[in-house]
Amino acid sequence: MNAKIIVRHFRFRTETVPIFTINELCRLTIHAMLIAGEKDVKLDSRKSVERFSRLIPEASVNLIPDYGHLLLNLTNRIIPFLLDELKQI
């Protein structure tokens, strides 16, 4: 029943997903983290991970196997990253 309500009322994204330019990514002055699902059917995760890693070599990059576009229950990866950032302040 709930799934039917969601499908009926969910508004799918129809516009193009924004992509950061090379210049925008290279200008980042903060530590960055990318988490991508390996089985994402909306975005090319492998290409995103490769691009992000190449442009921001010091970034934390995570390609999660068996995950798609919806990334849930990943606090075990995010919290340590944030705590490390807090230690550097």
PDB file of N, CA and C in Angstrom:
ATOM      1  N   MET A   1       0.821  -1.188   0.000  1.00  0.00           N
ATOM      2  CA  MET A   1       0.000   0.000   0.000  1.00  0.00           C
ATOM      3  C   MET A   1       0.874   1.265   0.000  1.00  0.00           C
ATOM      4  N   ASN A   2       1.871   1.360   0.912  1.00  0.00           N
ATOM      5  CA  ASN A   2       2.727   2.544   0.972  1.00  0.00           C
ATOM      6  C   ASN A   2       3.503   2.750  -0.321  1.00  0.00           C
ATOM      7  N   ALA A   3       3.960   1.670  -0.933  1.00  0.00           N
ATOM      8  CA  ALA A   3       4.718   1.783  -2.187  1.00  0.00           C
ATOM      9  C   ALA A   3       3.856   2.404  -3.277  1.00  0.00           C
ATOM     10  N   LYS A   4       2.582   2.058  -3.315  1.00  0.00           N
ATOM     11  CA  LYS A   4       1.686   2.630  -4.315  1.00  0.00           C
ATOM     12  C   LYS A   4       1.526   4.133  -4.111  1.00  0.00           C
ATOM     13  N   ILE A   5       1.442   4.552  -2.876  1.00  0.00           N
ATOM     14  CA  ILE A   5       1.308   5.978  -2.571  1.00  0.00           C
ATOM     15  C   ILE A   5       2.567   6.718  -3.008  1.00  0.00           C
ATOM     16  N   ILE A   6       3.722   6.143  -2.712  1.00  0.00           N
ATOM     17  CA  ILE A   6       4.987   6.781  -3.088  1.00  0.00           C
ATOM     18  C   ILE A   6       5.082   6.908  -4.603  1.00  0.00           C
ATOM     19  N   VAL A   7       4.827   5.830  -5.324  1.00  0.00           N
ATOM     20  CA  VAL A   7       4.925   5.848  -6.782  1.00  0.00           C
ATOM     21  C   VAL A   7       3.946   6.864  -7.374  1.00  0.00           C
ATOM     22  N   ARG A   8       2.766   6.947  -6.825  1.00  0.00           N
ATOM     23  CA  ARG A   8       1.753   7.864  -7.347  1.00  0.00           C
ATOM     24  C   ARG A   8       2.145   9.324  -7.135  1.00  0.00           C
ATOM     25  N   HIS A   9       2.821   9.633  -6.020  1.00  0.00           N
ATOM     26  CA  HIS A   9       3.097  11.021  -5.671  1.00  0.00           C
ATOM     27  C   HIS A   9       4.555  11.445  -5.870  1.00  0.00           C
ATOM     28  N   PHE A  10       5.423  10.519  -6.155  1.00  0.00           N
ATOM     29  CA  PHE A  10       6.837  10.859  -6.319  1.00  0.00           C
ATOM     30  C   PHE A  10       7.046  11.582  -7.639  1.00  0.00           C
ATOM     31  N   ARG A  11       7.802  12.662  -7.604  1.00  0.00           N
ATOM     32  CA  ARG A  11       8.097  13.424  -8.815  1.00  0.00           C
ATOM     33  C   ARG A  11       9.535  13.100  -9.243  1.00  0.00           C
ATOM     34  N   PHE A  12       9.654  12.327 -10.302  1.00  0.00           N
ATOM     35  CA  PHE A  12      10.960  11.932 -10.792  1.00  0.00           C
ATOM     36  C   PHE A  12      11.703  13.147 -11.343  1.00  0.00           C
ATOM     37  N   ARG A  13      12.999  13.161 -11.149  1.00  0.00           N
ATOM     38  CA  ARG A  13      13.831  14.254 -11.668  1.00  0.00           C
ATOM     39  C   ARG A  13      13.834  14.184 -13.188  1.00  0.00           C
ATOM     40  N   THR A  14      13.501  15.290 -13.820  1.00  0.00           N
ATOM     41  CA  THR A  14      13.468  15.310 -15.277  1.00  0.00           C
ATOM     42  C   THR A  14      14.584  16.175 -15.863  1.00  0.00           C
ATOM     43  N   GLU A  15      15.141  17.071 -15.040  1.00  0.00           N
ATOM     44  CA  GLU A  15      16.216  17.913 -15.550  1.00  0.00           C
ATOM     45  C   GLU A  15      17.543  17.168 -15.470  1.00  0.00           C
ATOM     46  N   THR A  16      18.523  17.686 -16.173  1.00  0.00           N
ATOM     47  CA  THR A  16      19.849  17.083 -16.179  1.00  0.00           C
ATOM     48  C   THR A  16      20.493  17.224 -14.801  1.00  0.00           C
ATOM     49  N   VAL A  17      21.137  16.170 -14.363  1.00  0.00           N
ATOM     50  CA  VAL A  17      21.840  16.202 -13.088  1.00  0.00           C
ATOM     51  C   VAL A  17      23.016  17.162 -13.222  1.00  0.00           C
ATOM     52  N   PRO A  18      23.148  18.112 -12.282  1.00  0.00           N
ATOM     53  CA  PRO A  18      24.268  19.054 -12.403  1.00  0.00           C
ATOM     54  C   PRO A  18      25.615  18.346 -12.235  1.00  0.00           C
ATOM     55  N   ILE A  19      26.572  18.731 -13.042  1.00  0.00           N
ATOM     56  CA  ILE A  19      27.914  18.158 -12.971  1.00  0.00           C
ATOM     57  C   ILE A  19      28.888  19.295 -12.702  1.00  0.00           C
ATOM     58  N   PHE A  20      29.712  19.127 -11.675  1.00  0.00           N
ATOM     59  CA  PHE A  20      30.717  20.132 -11.367  1.00  0.00           C
ATOM     60  C   PHE A  20      31.769  20.145 -12.470  1.00  0.00           C
ATOM     61  N   THR A  21      32.198  21.325 -12.856  1.00  0.00           N
ATOM     62  CA  THR A  21      33.230  21.442 -13.874  1.00  0.00           C
ATOM     63  C   THR A  21      34.587  21.054 -13.278  1.00  0.00           C
ATOM     64  N   ILE A  22      35.548  20.809 -14.143  1.00  0.00           N
ATOM     65  CA  ILE A  22      36.907  20.500 -13.694  1.00  0.00           C
ATOM     66  C   ILE A  22      37.430  21.656 -12.852  1.00  0.00           C
ATOM     67  N   ASN A  23      37.203  22.865 -13.307  1.00  0.00           N
ATOM     68  CA  ASN A  23      37.661  24.047 -12.587  1.00  0.00           C
ATOM     69  C   ASN A  23      37.026  24.135 -11.196  1.00  0.00           C
ATOM     70  N   GLU A  24      35.734  23.873 -11.101  1.00  0.00           N
ATOM     71  CA  GLU A  24      35.045  23.929  -9.803  1.00  0.00           C
ATOM     72  C   GLU A  24      35.604  22.882  -8.839  1.00  0.00           C
ATOM     73  N   LEU A  25      35.824  21.672  -9.325  1.00  0.00           N
ATOM     74  CA  LEU A  25      36.351  20.616  -8.454  1.00  0.00           C
ATOM     75  C   LEU A  25      37.785  20.917  -8.022  1.00  0.00           C
ATOM     76  N   CYS A  26      38.586  21.418  -8.918  1.00  0.00           N
ATOM     77  CA  CYS A  26      39.987  21.712  -8.590  1.00  0.00           C
ATOM     78  C   CYS A  26      40.119  22.887  -7.620  1.00  0.00           C
ATOM     79  N   ARG A  27      39.127  23.731  -7.556  1.00  0.00           N
ATOM     80  CA  ARG A  27      39.163  24.882  -6.638  1.00  0.00           C
ATOM     81  C   ARG A  27      38.732  24.533  -5.218  1.00  0.00           C
ATOM     82  N   LEU A  28      38.276  23.317  -4.991  1.00  0.00           N
ATOM     83  CA  LEU A  28      37.851  22.934  -3.638  1.00  0.00           C
ATOM     84  C   LEU A  28      39.011  23.089  -2.660  1.00  0.00           C
ATOM     85  N   THR A  29      38.736  23.698  -1.532  1.00  0.00           N
ATOM     86  CA  THR A  29      39.764  23.893  -0.515  1.00  0.00           C
ATOM     87  C   THR A  29      39.448  23.102   0.753  1.00  0.00           C
ATOM     88  N   ILE A  30      38.404  22.310   0.712  1.00  0.00           N
ATOM     89  CA  ILE A  30      38.026  21.485   1.855  1.00  0.00           C
ATOM     90  C   ILE A  30      38.282  20.025   1.511  1.00  0.00           C
ATOM     91  N   HIS A  31      38.366  19.198   2.526  1.00  0.00           N
ATOM     92  CA  HIS A  31      38.468  17.761   2.273  1.00  0.00           C
ATOM     93  C   HIS A  31      37.113  17.281   1.778  1.00  0.00           C
ATOM     94  N   ALA A  32      37.129  16.421   0.804  1.00  0.00           N
ATOM     95  CA  ALA A  32      35.894  15.982   0.174  1.00  0.00           C
ATOM     96  C   ALA A  32      35.737  14.473   0.283  1.00  0.00           C
ATOM     97  N   MET A  33      34.481  14.051   0.288  1.00  0.00           N
ATOM     98  CA  MET A  33      34.164  12.625   0.324  1.00  0.00           C
ATOM     99  C   MET A  33      33.124  12.350  -0.749  1.00  0.00           C
ATOM    100  N   LEU A  34      33.350  11.308  -1.518  1.00  0.00           N
ATOM    101  CA  LEU A  34      32.387  10.854  -2.513  1.00  0.00           C
ATOM    102  C   LEU A  34      31.995   9.433  -2.162  1.00  0.00           C
ATOM    103  N   ILE A  35      30.702   9.198  -2.076  1.00  0.00           N
ATOM    104  CA  ILE A  35      30.184   7.847  -1.876  1.00  0.00           C
ATOM    105  C   ILE A  35      29.262   7.563  -3.050  1.00  0.00           C
ATOM    106  N   ALA A  36      29.524   6.473  -3.753  1.00  0.00           N
ATOM    107  CA  ALA A  36      28.732   6.119  -4.929  1.00  0.00           C
ATOM    108  C   ALA A  36      28.388   4.638  -4.888  1.00  0.00           C
ATOM    109  N   GLY A  37      27.205   4.319  -5.339  1.00  0.00           N
ATOM    110  CA  GLY A  37      26.780   2.920  -5.426  1.00  0.00           C
ATOM    111  C   GLY A  37      27.226   2.318  -6.742  1.00  0.00           C
ATOM    112  N   GLU A  38      27.869   1.183  -6.672  1.00  0.00           N
ATOM    113  CA  GLU A  38      28.412   0.527  -7.871  1.00  0.00           C
ATOM    114  C   GLU A  38      27.311   0.148  -8.877  1.00  0.00           C
ATOM    115  N   LYS A  39      26.112  -0.109  -8.378  1.00  0.00           N
ATOM    116  CA  LYS A  39      25.021  -0.548  -9.251  1.00  0.00           C
ATOM    117  C   LYS A  39      24.031   0.580  -9.559  1.00  0.00           C
ATOM    118  N   ASP A  40      24.484   1.822  -9.472  1.00  0.00           N
ATOM    119  CA  ASP A  40      23.639   2.978  -9.762  1.00  0.00           C
ATOM    120  C   ASP A  40      23.240   2.957 -11.233  1.00  0.00           C
ATOM    121  N   VAL A  41      21.939   2.974 -11.511  1.00  0.00           N
ATOM    122  CA  VAL A  41      21.476   2.969 -12.898  1.00  0.00           C
ATOM    123  C   VAL A  41      21.214   4.385 -13.409  1.00  0.00           C
ATOM    124  N   LYS A  42      21.257   5.374 -12.523  1.00  0.00           N
ATOM    125  CA  LYS A  42      21.025   6.760 -12.924  1.00  0.00           C
ATOM    126  C   LYS A  42      22.320   7.475 -13.288  1.00  0.00           C
ATOM    127  N   LEU A  43      23.406   7.125 -12.609  1.00  0.00           N
ATOM    128  CA  LEU A  43      24.693   7.782 -12.818  1.00  0.00           C
ATOM    129  C   LEU A  43      25.774   6.740 -13.072  1.00  0.00           C
ATOM    130  N   ASP A  44      26.772   7.102 -13.833  1.00  0.00           N
ATOM    131  CA  ASP A  44      27.907   6.208 -14.084  1.00  0.00           C
ATOM    132  C   ASP A  44      28.880   6.360 -12.913  1.00  0.00           C
ATOM    133  N   SER A  45      28.698   5.534 -11.903  1.00  0.00           N
ATOM    134  CA  SER A  45      29.472   5.658 -10.665  1.00  0.00           C
ATOM    135  C   SER A  45      30.959   5.447 -10.870  1.00  0.00           C
ATOM    136  N   ARG A  46      31.320   4.476 -11.678  1.00  0.00           N
ATOM    137  CA  ARG A  46      32.751   4.219 -11.914  1.00  0.00           C
ATOM    138  C   ARG A  46      33.414   5.442 -12.555  1.00  0.00           C
ATOM    139  N   LYS A  47      32.733   6.040 -13.510  1.00  0.00           N
ATOM    140  CA  LYS A  47      33.259   7.231 -14.170  1.00  0.00           C
ATOM    141  C   LYS A  47      33.357   8.390 -13.165  1.00  0.00           C
ATOM    142  N   SER A  48      32.356   8.540 -12.309  1.00  0.00           N
ATOM    143  CA  SER A  48      32.372   9.599 -11.298  1.00  0.00           C
ATOM    144  C   SER A  48      33.516   9.406 -10.312  1.00  0.00           C
ATOM    145  N   VAL A  49      33.709   8.177  -9.867  1.00  0.00           N
ATOM    146  CA  VAL A  49      34.783   7.868  -8.921  1.00  0.00           C
ATOM    147  C   VAL A  49      36.147   8.136  -9.552  1.00  0.00           C
ATOM    148  N   GLU A  50      36.320   7.716 -10.799  1.00  0.00           N
ATOM    149  CA  GLU A  50      37.593   7.932 -11.495  1.00  0.00           C
ATOM    150  C   GLU A  50      37.871   9.422 -11.645  1.00  0.00           C
ATOM    151  N   ARG A  51      36.875  10.178 -12.061  1.00  0.00           N
ATOM    152  CA  ARG A  51      37.031  11.623 -12.282  1.00  0.00           C
ATOM    153  C   ARG A  51      37.334  12.342 -10.973  1.00  0.00           C
ATOM    154  N   PHE A  52      36.581  12.029  -9.955  1.00  0.00           N
ATOM    155  CA  PHE A  52      36.757  12.662  -8.641  1.00  0.00           C
ATOM    156  C   PHE A  52      38.150  12.349  -8.088  1.00  0.00           C
ATOM    157  N   SER A  53      38.567  11.101  -8.196  1.00  0.00           N
ATOM    158  CA  SER A  53      39.884  10.674  -7.695  1.00  0.00           C
ATOM    159  C   SER A  53      41.017  11.359  -8.449  1.00  0.00           C
ATOM    160  N   ARG A  54      40.846  11.519  -9.743  1.00  0.00           N
ATOM    161  CA  ARG A  54      41.873  12.150 -10.566  1.00  0.00           C
ATOM    162  C   ARG A  54      41.979  13.648 -10.255  1.00  0.00           C
ATOM    163  N   LEU A  55      40.840  14.313 -10.090  1.00  0.00           N
ATOM    164  CA  LEU A  55      40.841  15.760  -9.884  1.00  0.00           C
ATOM    165  C   LEU A  55      41.107  16.164  -8.440  1.00  0.00           C
ATOM    166  N   ILE A  56      40.738  15.289  -7.504  1.00  0.00           N
ATOM    167  CA  ILE A  56      40.936  15.573  -6.077  1.00  0.00           C
ATOM    168  C   ILE A  56      41.599  14.345  -5.443  1.00  0.00           C
ATOM    169  N   PRO A  57      42.904  14.162  -5.661  1.00  0.00           N
ATOM    170  CA  PRO A  57      43.582  12.939  -5.210  1.00  0.00           C
ATOM    171  C   PRO A  57      43.517  12.707  -3.707  1.00  0.00           C
ATOM    172  N   GLU A  58      43.390  13.763  -2.911  1.00  0.00           N
ATOM    173  CA  GLU A  58      43.350  13.594  -1.459  1.00  0.00           C
ATOM    174  C   GLU A  58      41.936  13.301  -0.932  1.00  0.00           C
ATOM    175  N   ALA A  59      40.964  13.238  -1.817  1.00  0.00           N
ATOM    176  CA  ALA A  59      39.575  12.986  -1.412  1.00  0.00           C
ATOM    177  C   ALA A  59      39.388  11.549  -0.922  1.00  0.00           C
ATOM    178  N   SER A  60      38.399  11.376  -0.083  1.00  0.00           N
ATOM    179  CA  SER A  60      37.983  10.046   0.345  1.00  0.00           C
ATOM    180  C   SER A  60      36.917   9.570  -0.640  1.00  0.00           C
ATOM    181  N   VAL A  61      37.218   8.499  -1.356  1.00  0.00           N
ATOM    182  CA  VAL A  61      36.317   8.027  -2.408  1.00  0.00           C
ATOM    183  C   VAL A  61      35.888   6.604  -2.084  1.00  0.00           C
ATOM    184  N   ASN A  62      34.578   6.377  -2.116  1.00  0.00           N
ATOM    185  CA  ASN A  62      34.020   5.070  -1.773  1.00  0.00           C
ATOM    186  C   ASN A  62      33.050   4.617  -2.860  1.00  0.00           C
ATOM    187  N   LEU A  63      33.382   3.531  -3.540  1.00  0.00           N
ATOM    188  CA  LEU A  63      32.460   2.903  -4.482  1.00  0.00           C
ATOM    189  C   LEU A  63      31.917   1.668  -3.774  1.00  0.00           C
ATOM    190  N   ILE A  64      30.644   1.710  -3.442  1.00  0.00           N
ATOM    191  CA  ILE A  64      30.048   0.677  -2.603  1.00  0.00           C
ATOM    192  C   ILE A  64      29.420  -0.419  -3.469  1.00  0.00           C
ATOM    193  N   PRO A  65      29.952  -1.655  -3.371  1.00  0.00           N
ATOM    194  CA  PRO A  65      29.361  -2.766  -4.126  1.00  0.00           C
ATOM    195  C   PRO A  65      27.939  -3.059  -3.629  1.00  0.00           C
ATOM    196  N   ASP A  66      27.115  -3.564  -4.490  1.00  0.00           N
ATOM    197  CA  ASP A  66      25.741  -3.969  -4.163  1.00  0.00           C
ATOM    198  C   ASP A  66      24.834  -2.815  -3.765  1.00  0.00           C
ATOM    199  N   TYR A  67      25.267  -1.581  -3.975  1.00  0.00           N
ATOM    200  CA  TYR A  67      24.406  -0.418  -3.740  1.00  0.00           C
ATOM    201  C   TYR A  67      24.093   0.214  -5.079  1.00  0.00           C
ATOM    202  N   GLY A  68      22.900   0.773  -5.175  1.00  0.00           N
ATOM    203  CA  GLY A  68      22.502   1.499  -6.364  1.00  0.00           C
ATOM    204  C   GLY A  68      22.546   2.994  -6.106  1.00  0.00           C
ATOM    205  N   HIS A  69      21.537   3.688  -6.603  1.00  0.00           N
ATOM    206  CA  HIS A  69      21.473   5.143  -6.474  1.00  0.00           C
ATOM    207  C   HIS A  69      21.119   5.547  -5.046  1.00  0.00           C
ATOM    208  N   LEU A  70      20.330   4.733  -4.360  1.00  0.00           N
ATOM    209  CA  LEU A  70      19.909   5.022  -2.989  1.00  0.00           C
ATOM    210  C   LEU A  70      20.954   4.486  -2.017  1.00  0.00           C
ATOM    211  N   LEU A  71      21.550   5.394  -1.271  1.00  0.00           N
ATOM    212  CA  LEU A  71      22.620   5.020  -0.339  1.00  0.00           C
ATOM    213  C   LEU A  71      22.112   5.174   1.085  1.00  0.00           C
ATOM    214  N   LEU A  72      21.902   4.052   1.743  1.00  0.00           N
ATOM    215  CA  LEU A  72      21.371   4.046   3.108  1.00  0.00           C
ATOM    216  C   LEU A  72      22.341   3.361   4.059  1.00  0.00           C
ATOM    217  N   ASN A  73      22.224   3.715   5.337  1.00  0.00           N
ATOM    218  CA  ASN A  73      22.965   3.045   6.404  1.00  0.00           C
ATOM    219  C   ASN A  73      24.476   3.080   6.197  1.00  0.00           C
ATOM    220  N   LEU A  74      25.001   4.243   5.856  1.00  0.00           N
ATOM    221  CA  LEU A  74      26.439   4.369   5.622  1.00  0.00           C
ATOM    222  C   LEU A  74      27.120   5.265   6.651  1.00  0.00           C
ATOM    223  N   THR A  75      26.478   5.433   7.797  1.00  0.00           N
ATOM    224  CA  THR A  75      27.082   6.281   8.829  1.00  0.00           C
ATOM    225  C   THR A  75      28.425   5.720   9.283  1.00  0.00           C
ATOM    226  N   ASN A  76      28.614   4.411   9.171  1.00  0.00           N
ATOM    227  CA  ASN A  76      29.895   3.807   9.569  1.00  0.00           C
ATOM    228  C   ASN A  76      31.042   4.279   8.676  1.00  0.00           C
ATOM    229  N   ARG A  77      30.740   4.825   7.509  1.00  0.00           N
ATOM    230  CA  ARG A  77      31.772   5.397   6.631  1.00  0.00           C
ATOM    231  C   ARG A  77      31.858   6.914   6.790  1.00  0.00           C
ATOM    232  N   ILE A  78      30.731   7.539   7.035  1.00  0.00           N
ATOM    233  CA  ILE A  78      30.672   9.004   7.071  1.00  0.00           C
ATOM    234  C   ILE A  78      31.188   9.565   8.394  1.00  0.00           C
ATOM    235  N   ILE A  79      30.785   8.974   9.510  1.00  0.00           N
ATOM    236  CA  ILE A  79      31.174   9.498  10.830  1.00  0.00           C
ATOM    237  C   ILE A  79      32.699   9.522  11.005  1.00  0.00           C
ATOM    238  N   PRO A  80      33.435   8.455  10.689  1.00  0.00           N
ATOM    239  CA  PRO A  80      34.902   8.525  10.829  1.00  0.00           C
ATOM    240  C   PRO A  80      35.524   9.637   9.980  1.00  0.00           C
ATOM    241  N   PHE A  81      35.012   9.844   8.777  1.00  0.00           N
ATOM    242  CA  PHE A  81      35.509  10.921   7.921  1.00  0.00           C
ATOM    243  C   PHE A  81      35.292  12.275   8.597  1.00  0.00           C
ATOM    244  N   LEU A  82      34.103  12.503   9.121  1.00  0.00           N
ATOM    245  CA  LEU A  82      33.796  13.772   9.783  1.00  0.00           C
ATOM    246  C   LEU A  82      34.616  13.958  11.056  1.00  0.00           C
ATOM    247  N   LEU A  83      34.804  12.891  11.817  1.00  0.00           N
ATOM    248  CA  LEU A  83      35.597  12.991  13.048  1.00  0.00           C
ATOM    249  C   LEU A  83      37.057  13.319  12.733  1.00  0.00           C
ATOM    250  N   ASP A  84      37.594  12.729  11.678  1.00  0.00           N
ATOM    251  CA  ASP A  84      38.956  13.057  11.260  1.00  0.00           C
ATOM    252  C   ASP A  84      39.058  14.536  10.873  1.00  0.00           C
ATOM    253  N   GLU A  85      38.027  15.025  10.214  1.00  0.00           N
ATOM    254  CA  GLU A  85      38.014  16.447   9.826  1.00  0.00           C
ATOM    255  C   GLU A  85      37.985  17.345  11.055  1.00  0.00           C
ATOM    256  N   LEU A  86      37.220  16.959  12.059  1.00  0.00           N
ATOM    257  CA  LEU A  86      37.141  17.756  13.287  1.00  0.00           C
ATOM    258  C   LEU A  86      38.494  17.809  14.021  1.00  0.00           C
ATOM    259  N   LYS A  87      39.232  16.719  13.978  1.00  0.00           N
ATOM    260  CA  LYS A  87      40.550  16.668  14.632  1.00  0.00           C
ATOM    261  C   LYS A  87      41.512  17.656  14.003  1.00  0.00           C
ATOM    262  N   GLN A  88      41.314  17.983  12.731  1.00  0.00           N
ATOM    263  CA  GLN A  88      42.236  18.869  12.022  1.00  0.00           C
ATOM    264  C   GLN A  88      41.887  20.344  12.176  1.00  0.00           C
ATOM    265  N   ILE A  89      40.787  20.628  12.840  1.00  0.00           N
ATOM    266  CA  ILE A  89      40.376  22.030  13.028  1.00  0.00           C
ATOM    267  C   ILE A  89      41.125  22.650  14.189  1.00  0.00           C
TER     268      ILE A  89
END
